[in-house]
């Protein structure tokens, strides 16, 4: 069963690491296992490099060998994020997002299908909805309301047909 996309969270964004830093980026976190080619640490303006939250080398290579396996990559990366050492890095990242804006940085050319987009959706599913937004029953951590009990009739009351 396909999972519904998580609600967007205003404190979380993604951006290519080669794009110039913006005023609203907040904490800039590189979420790739390898350092981006041709980019100096000074020019990148990276506040934190979380190598442990990046997909494993085997998973990354499997995706590069077969780009048609995107759906399998999303599932497998989600499984990796639930296991150590990625799980502790994810907890750290969630705590930072709760404190203020965070921009996830990636080096890949594909702006739609990359590990940062999968990570962003995975993190958003674990964050409360944005302030001022109504949570729906499909939102993570939200219980469906119980069905209202049927109204009780008073003894001797007429039953309308």
C-alpha atoms as a PDB file:
ATOM      1  CA  UNK A   1       0.000   0.000   0.000  1.00  0.00           C
ATOM      2  CA  UNK A   2       1.458   3.356  -0.983  1.00  0.00           C
ATOM      3  CA  UNK A   3       2.035   5.835   1.785  1.00  0.00           C
ATOM      4  CA  UNK A   4       0.477   9.266   1.464  1.00  0.00           C
ATOM      5  CA  UNK A   5       3.003  12.083   1.135  1.00  0.00           C
ATOM      6  CA  UNK A   6       3.739  13.854   4.385  1.00  0.00           C
ATOM      7  CA  UNK A   7       2.709  17.433   4.940  1.00  0.00           C
ATOM      8  CA  UNK A   8       5.394  19.976   4.177  1.00  0.00           C
ATOM      9  CA  UNK A   9       7.191  21.291   7.210  1.00  0.00           C
ATOM     10  CA  UNK A  10       8.242  24.968   7.065  1.00  0.00           C
ATOM     11  CA  UNK A  11      11.462  24.386   9.013  1.00  0.00           C
ATOM     12  CA  UNK A  12      12.760  21.768   6.559  1.00  0.00           C
ATOM     13  CA  UNK A  13      14.009  22.324   3.000  1.00  0.00           C
ATOM     14  CA  UNK A  14      16.325  20.662   0.493  1.00  0.00           C
ATOM     15  CA  UNK A  15      18.818  22.275  -1.843  1.00  0.00           C
ATOM     16  CA  UNK A  16      21.749  21.311  -4.046  1.00  0.00           C
ATOM     17  CA  UNK A  17      24.986  21.933  -2.212  1.00  0.00           C
ATOM     18  CA  UNK A  18      26.291  23.832  -5.261  1.00  0.00           C
ATOM     19  CA  UNK A  19      23.487  26.430  -4.995  1.00  0.00           C
ATOM     20  CA  UNK A  20      24.484  29.605  -3.151  1.00  0.00           C
ATOM     21  CA  UNK A  21      23.469  29.752   0.523  1.00  0.00           C
ATOM     22  CA  UNK A  22      20.265  31.665   1.213  1.00  0.00           C
ATOM     23  CA  UNK A  23      19.302  33.834   4.167  1.00  0.00           C
ATOM     24  CA  UNK A  24      16.470  31.450   5.113  1.00  0.00           C
ATOM     25  CA  UNK A  25      18.526  28.253   4.937  1.00  0.00           C
ATOM     26  CA  UNK A  26      19.027  28.027   8.677  1.00  0.00           C
ATOM     27  CA  UNK A  27      21.356  25.174   9.568  1.00  0.00           C
ATOM     28  CA  UNK A  28      22.861  23.707   6.387  1.00  0.00           C
ATOM     29  CA  UNK A  29      23.312  19.928   6.686  1.00  0.00           C
ATOM     30  CA  UNK A  30      25.093  17.833   4.055  1.00  0.00           C
ATOM     31  CA  UNK A  31      23.352  14.442   3.870  1.00  0.00           C
ATOM     32  CA  UNK A  32      25.648  12.728   1.334  1.00  0.00           C
ATOM     33  CA  UNK A  33      28.200  10.079   2.266  1.00  0.00           C
ATOM     34  CA  UNK A  34      30.822  11.554  -0.085  1.00  0.00           C
ATOM     35  CA  UNK A  35      32.076  15.146  -0.142  1.00  0.00           C
ATOM     36  CA  UNK A  36      30.816  17.009  -3.249  1.00  0.00           C
ATOM     37  CA  UNK A  37      33.336  17.193  -6.102  1.00  0.00           C
ATOM     38  CA  UNK A  38      35.087  20.483  -6.694  1.00  0.00           C
ATOM     39  CA  UNK A  39      33.577  22.257  -3.686  1.00  0.00           C
ATOM     40  CA  UNK A  40      35.738  23.717  -0.958  1.00  0.00           C
ATOM     41  CA  UNK A  41      34.573  23.626   2.653  1.00  0.00           C
ATOM     42  CA  UNK A  42      34.677  27.433   2.806  1.00  0.00           C
ATOM     43  CA  UNK A  43      32.514  27.889  -0.272  1.00  0.00           C
ATOM     44  CA  UNK A  44      29.977  25.220   0.755  1.00  0.00           C
ATOM     45  CA  UNK A  45      29.034  26.950   4.034  1.00  0.00           C
ATOM     46  CA  UNK A  46      28.041  23.615   5.564  1.00  0.00           C
ATOM     47  CA  UNK A  47      27.213  23.652   9.280  1.00  0.00           C
ATOM     48  CA  UNK A  48      27.018  19.883   9.730  1.00  0.00           C
ATOM     49  CA  UNK A  49      27.965  16.840   7.665  1.00  0.00           C
ATOM     50  CA  UNK A  50      25.853  13.803   8.615  1.00  0.00           C
ATOM     51  CA  UNK A  51      27.528  10.945   6.724  1.00  0.00           C
ATOM     52  CA  UNK A  52      25.716   8.355   8.848  1.00  0.00           C
ATOM     53  CA  UNK A  53      22.284   9.451   7.605  1.00  0.00           C
ATOM     54  CA  UNK A  54      23.239   8.985   3.940  1.00  0.00           C
ATOM     55  CA  UNK A  55      22.321   5.765   2.099  1.00  0.00           C
ATOM     56  CA  UNK A  56      24.863   2.962   2.391  1.00  0.00           C
ATOM     57  CA  UNK A  57      27.428   2.629  -0.389  1.00  0.00           C
ATOM     58  CA  UNK A  58      25.755  -0.583  -1.578  1.00  0.00           C
ATOM     59  CA  UNK A  59      22.335   1.063  -1.791  1.00  0.00           C
ATOM     60  CA  UNK A  60      23.724   4.170  -3.494  1.00  0.00           C
ATOM     61  CA  UNK A  61      25.587   2.078  -6.086  1.00  0.00           C
ATOM     62  CA  UNK A  62      22.529  -0.093  -6.709  1.00  0.00           C
ATOM     63  CA  UNK A  63      20.469   3.007  -7.523  1.00  0.00           C
ATOM     64  CA  UNK A  64      23.143   4.451  -9.823  1.00  0.00           C
ATOM     65  CA  UNK A  65      23.355   1.130 -11.681  1.00  0.00           C
ATOM     66  CA  UNK A  66      19.571   0.988 -12.212  1.00  0.00           C
ATOM     67  CA  UNK A  67      17.713   4.302 -12.051  1.00  0.00           C
ATOM     68  CA  UNK A  68      14.445   2.432 -12.707  1.00  0.00           C
ATOM     69  CA  UNK A  69      14.739   0.939  -9.206  1.00  0.00           C
ATOM     70  CA  UNK A  70      13.717   4.224  -7.527  1.00  0.00           C
ATOM     71  CA  UNK A  71      10.758   2.758  -5.613  1.00  0.00           C
ATOM     72  CA  UNK A  72      12.936  -0.021  -4.204  1.00  0.00           C
ATOM     73  CA  UNK A  73      15.549   2.588  -3.226  1.00  0.00           C
ATOM     74  CA  UNK A  74      12.940   4.609  -1.305  1.00  0.00           C
ATOM     75  CA  UNK A  75      11.810   1.538   0.648  1.00  0.00           C
ATOM     76  CA  UNK A  76      15.336   0.268   1.347  1.00  0.00           C
ATOM     77  CA  UNK A  77      16.600   3.708   2.381  1.00  0.00           C
ATOM     78  CA  UNK A  78      13.677   4.015   4.797  1.00  0.00           C
ATOM     79  CA  UNK A  79      14.708   0.682   6.325  1.00  0.00           C
ATOM     80  CA  UNK A  80      18.306   1.899   6.664  1.00  0.00           C
ATOM     81  CA  UNK A  81      17.133   5.090   8.377  1.00  0.00           C
ATOM     82  CA  UNK A  82      15.423   3.009  11.060  1.00  0.00           C
ATOM     83  CA  UNK A  83      18.674   1.185  11.935  1.00  0.00           C
ATOM     84  CA  UNK A  84      21.877   2.401  13.580  1.00  0.00           C
ATOM     85  CA  UNK A  85      23.939   4.462  12.917  1.00  0.00           C
ATOM     86  CA  UNK A  86      21.413   6.303  10.721  1.00  0.00           C
ATOM     87  CA  UNK A  87      18.703   6.178  13.416  1.00  0.00           C
ATOM     88  CA  UNK A  88      20.748   8.192  15.921  1.00  0.00           C
ATOM     89  CA  UNK A  89      21.711  10.699  13.211  1.00  0.00           C
ATOM     90  CA  UNK A  90      18.011  11.011  12.299  1.00  0.00           C
ATOM     91  CA  UNK A  91      17.073  11.665  15.943  1.00  0.00           C
ATOM     92  CA  UNK A  92      19.733  14.374  16.084  1.00  0.00           C
ATOM     93  CA  UNK A  93      18.435  15.919  12.873  1.00  0.00           C
ATOM     94  CA  UNK A  94      14.810  15.850  14.074  1.00  0.00           C
ATOM     95  CA  UNK A  95      15.868  17.669  17.258  1.00  0.00           C
ATOM     96  CA  UNK A  96      17.633  20.331  15.189  1.00  0.00           C
ATOM     97  CA  UNK A  97      14.560  20.796  12.966  1.00  0.00           C
ATOM     98  CA  UNK A  98      12.419  21.376  16.055  1.00  0.00           C
ATOM     99  CA  UNK A  99      14.818  24.172  17.085  1.00  0.00           C
ATOM    100  CA  UNK A 100      14.756  26.068  13.796  1.00  0.00           C
ATOM    101  CA  UNK A 101      15.079  25.924  10.006  1.00  0.00           C
ATOM    102  CA  UNK A 102      17.248  23.185   8.493  1.00  0.00           C
ATOM    103  CA  UNK A 103      18.260  22.792   4.851  1.00  0.00           C
ATOM    104  CA  UNK A 104      19.303  19.324   3.692  1.00  0.00           C
ATOM    105  CA  UNK A 105      22.087  19.571   1.108  1.00  0.00           C
ATOM    106  CA  UNK A 106      22.816  17.001  -1.584  1.00  0.00           C
ATOM    107  CA  UNK A 107      25.235  16.893  -4.517  1.00  0.00           C
ATOM    108  CA  UNK A 108      23.229  14.854  -7.042  1.00  0.00           C
ATOM    109  CA  UNK A 109      22.084  16.406 -10.304  1.00  0.00           C
ATOM    110  CA  UNK A 110      18.541  15.064 -10.157  1.00  0.00           C
ATOM    111  CA  UNK A 111      16.543  17.563  -8.114  1.00  0.00           C
ATOM    112  CA  UNK A 112      13.563  15.228  -7.672  1.00  0.00           C
ATOM    113  CA  UNK A 113      15.023  11.759  -7.221  1.00  0.00           C
ATOM    114  CA  UNK A 114      17.809  12.029  -4.672  1.00  0.00           C
ATOM    115  CA  UNK A 115      18.472  10.808  -1.158  1.00  0.00           C
ATOM    116  CA  UNK A 116      17.693  14.238   0.337  1.00  0.00           C
ATOM    117  CA  UNK A 117      14.141  14.206  -1.061  1.00  0.00           C
ATOM    118  CA  UNK A 118      13.543  10.742   0.421  1.00  0.00           C
ATOM    119  CA  UNK A 119      15.063  11.815   3.730  1.00  0.00           C
ATOM    120  CA  UNK A 120      12.938  14.978   3.815  1.00  0.00           C
ATOM    121  CA  UNK A 121       9.713  12.987   3.334  1.00  0.00           C
ATOM    122  CA  UNK A 122      10.844  10.459   5.952  1.00  0.00           C
ATOM    123  CA  UNK A 123      11.592  13.225   8.470  1.00  0.00           C
ATOM    124  CA  UNK A 124       8.346  15.095   7.751  1.00  0.00           C
ATOM    125  CA  UNK A 125       6.381  11.929   8.487  1.00  0.00           C
ATOM    126  CA  UNK A 126       7.934  11.984  11.966  1.00  0.00           C
ATOM    127  CA  UNK A 127       7.402  15.669  12.719  1.00  0.00           C
ATOM    128  CA  UNK A 128       4.232  17.252  14.038  1.00  0.00           C
ATOM    129  CA  UNK A 129       2.389  19.262  11.426  1.00  0.00           C
ATOM    130  CA  UNK A 130       3.324  22.877  10.904  1.00  0.00           C
ATOM    131  CA  UNK A 131       1.844  25.463  13.278  1.00  0.00           C
ATOM    132  CA  UNK A 132      -1.521  26.698  12.071  1.00  0.00           C
ATOM    133  CA  UNK A 133      -2.148  23.571   9.996  1.00  0.00           C
ATOM    134  CA  UNK A 134      -4.843  21.102  10.859  1.00  0.00           C
ATOM    135  CA  UNK A 135      -3.719  17.530  11.342  1.00  0.00           C
ATOM    136  CA  UNK A 136      -5.686  14.915   9.491  1.00  0.00           C
ATOM    137  CA  UNK A 137      -6.318  11.335  10.440  1.00  0.00           C
ATOM    138  CA  UNK A 138      -3.658  10.365   7.876  1.00  0.00           C
ATOM    139  CA  UNK A 139      -1.051  12.460   9.692  1.00  0.00           C
ATOM    140  CA  UNK A 140       1.474  10.455  11.700  1.00  0.00           C
ATOM    141  CA  UNK A 141       0.682  10.208  15.388  1.00  0.00           C
ATOM    142  CA  UNK A 142      -2.939  11.297  14.986  1.00  0.00           C
ATOM    143  CA  UNK A 143      -5.670   8.953  16.123  1.00  0.00           C
ATOM    144  CA  UNK A 144      -8.995   8.790  14.397  1.00  0.00           C
ATOM    145  CA  UNK A 145     -11.830  10.047  16.592  1.00  0.00           C
ATOM    146  CA  UNK A 146     -14.094   7.382  18.017  1.00  0.00           C
ATOM    147  CA  UNK A 147     -17.543   7.094  16.536  1.00  0.00           C
ATOM    148  CA  UNK A 148     -20.137   9.023  18.476  1.00  0.00           C
ATOM    149  CA  UNK A 149     -22.372   6.900  20.637  1.00  0.00           C
ATOM    150  CA  UNK A 150     -25.978   6.620  19.502  1.00  0.00           C
ATOM    151  CA  UNK A 151     -28.318   8.943  21.357  1.00  0.00           C
ATOM    152  CA  UNK A 152     -30.184   7.212  24.107  1.00  0.00           C
ATOM    153  CA  UNK A 153     -33.943   7.408  24.146  1.00  0.00           C
ATOM    154  CA  UNK A 154     -35.749   8.364  27.251  1.00  0.00           C
ATOM    155  CA  UNK A 155     -38.107   5.711  28.519  1.00  0.00           C
ATOM    156  CA  UNK A 156     -41.604   6.361  27.235  1.00  0.00           C
ATOM    157  CA  UNK A 157     -40.429   8.703  24.426  1.00  0.00           C
ATOM    158  CA  UNK A 158     -42.142   8.305  21.091  1.00  0.00           C
ATOM    159  CA  UNK A 159     -40.088   6.774  18.300  1.00  0.00           C
ATOM    160  CA  UNK A 160     -40.399   8.661  15.048  1.00  0.00           C
ATOM    161  CA  UNK A 161     -40.536   6.609  11.884  1.00  0.00           C
END
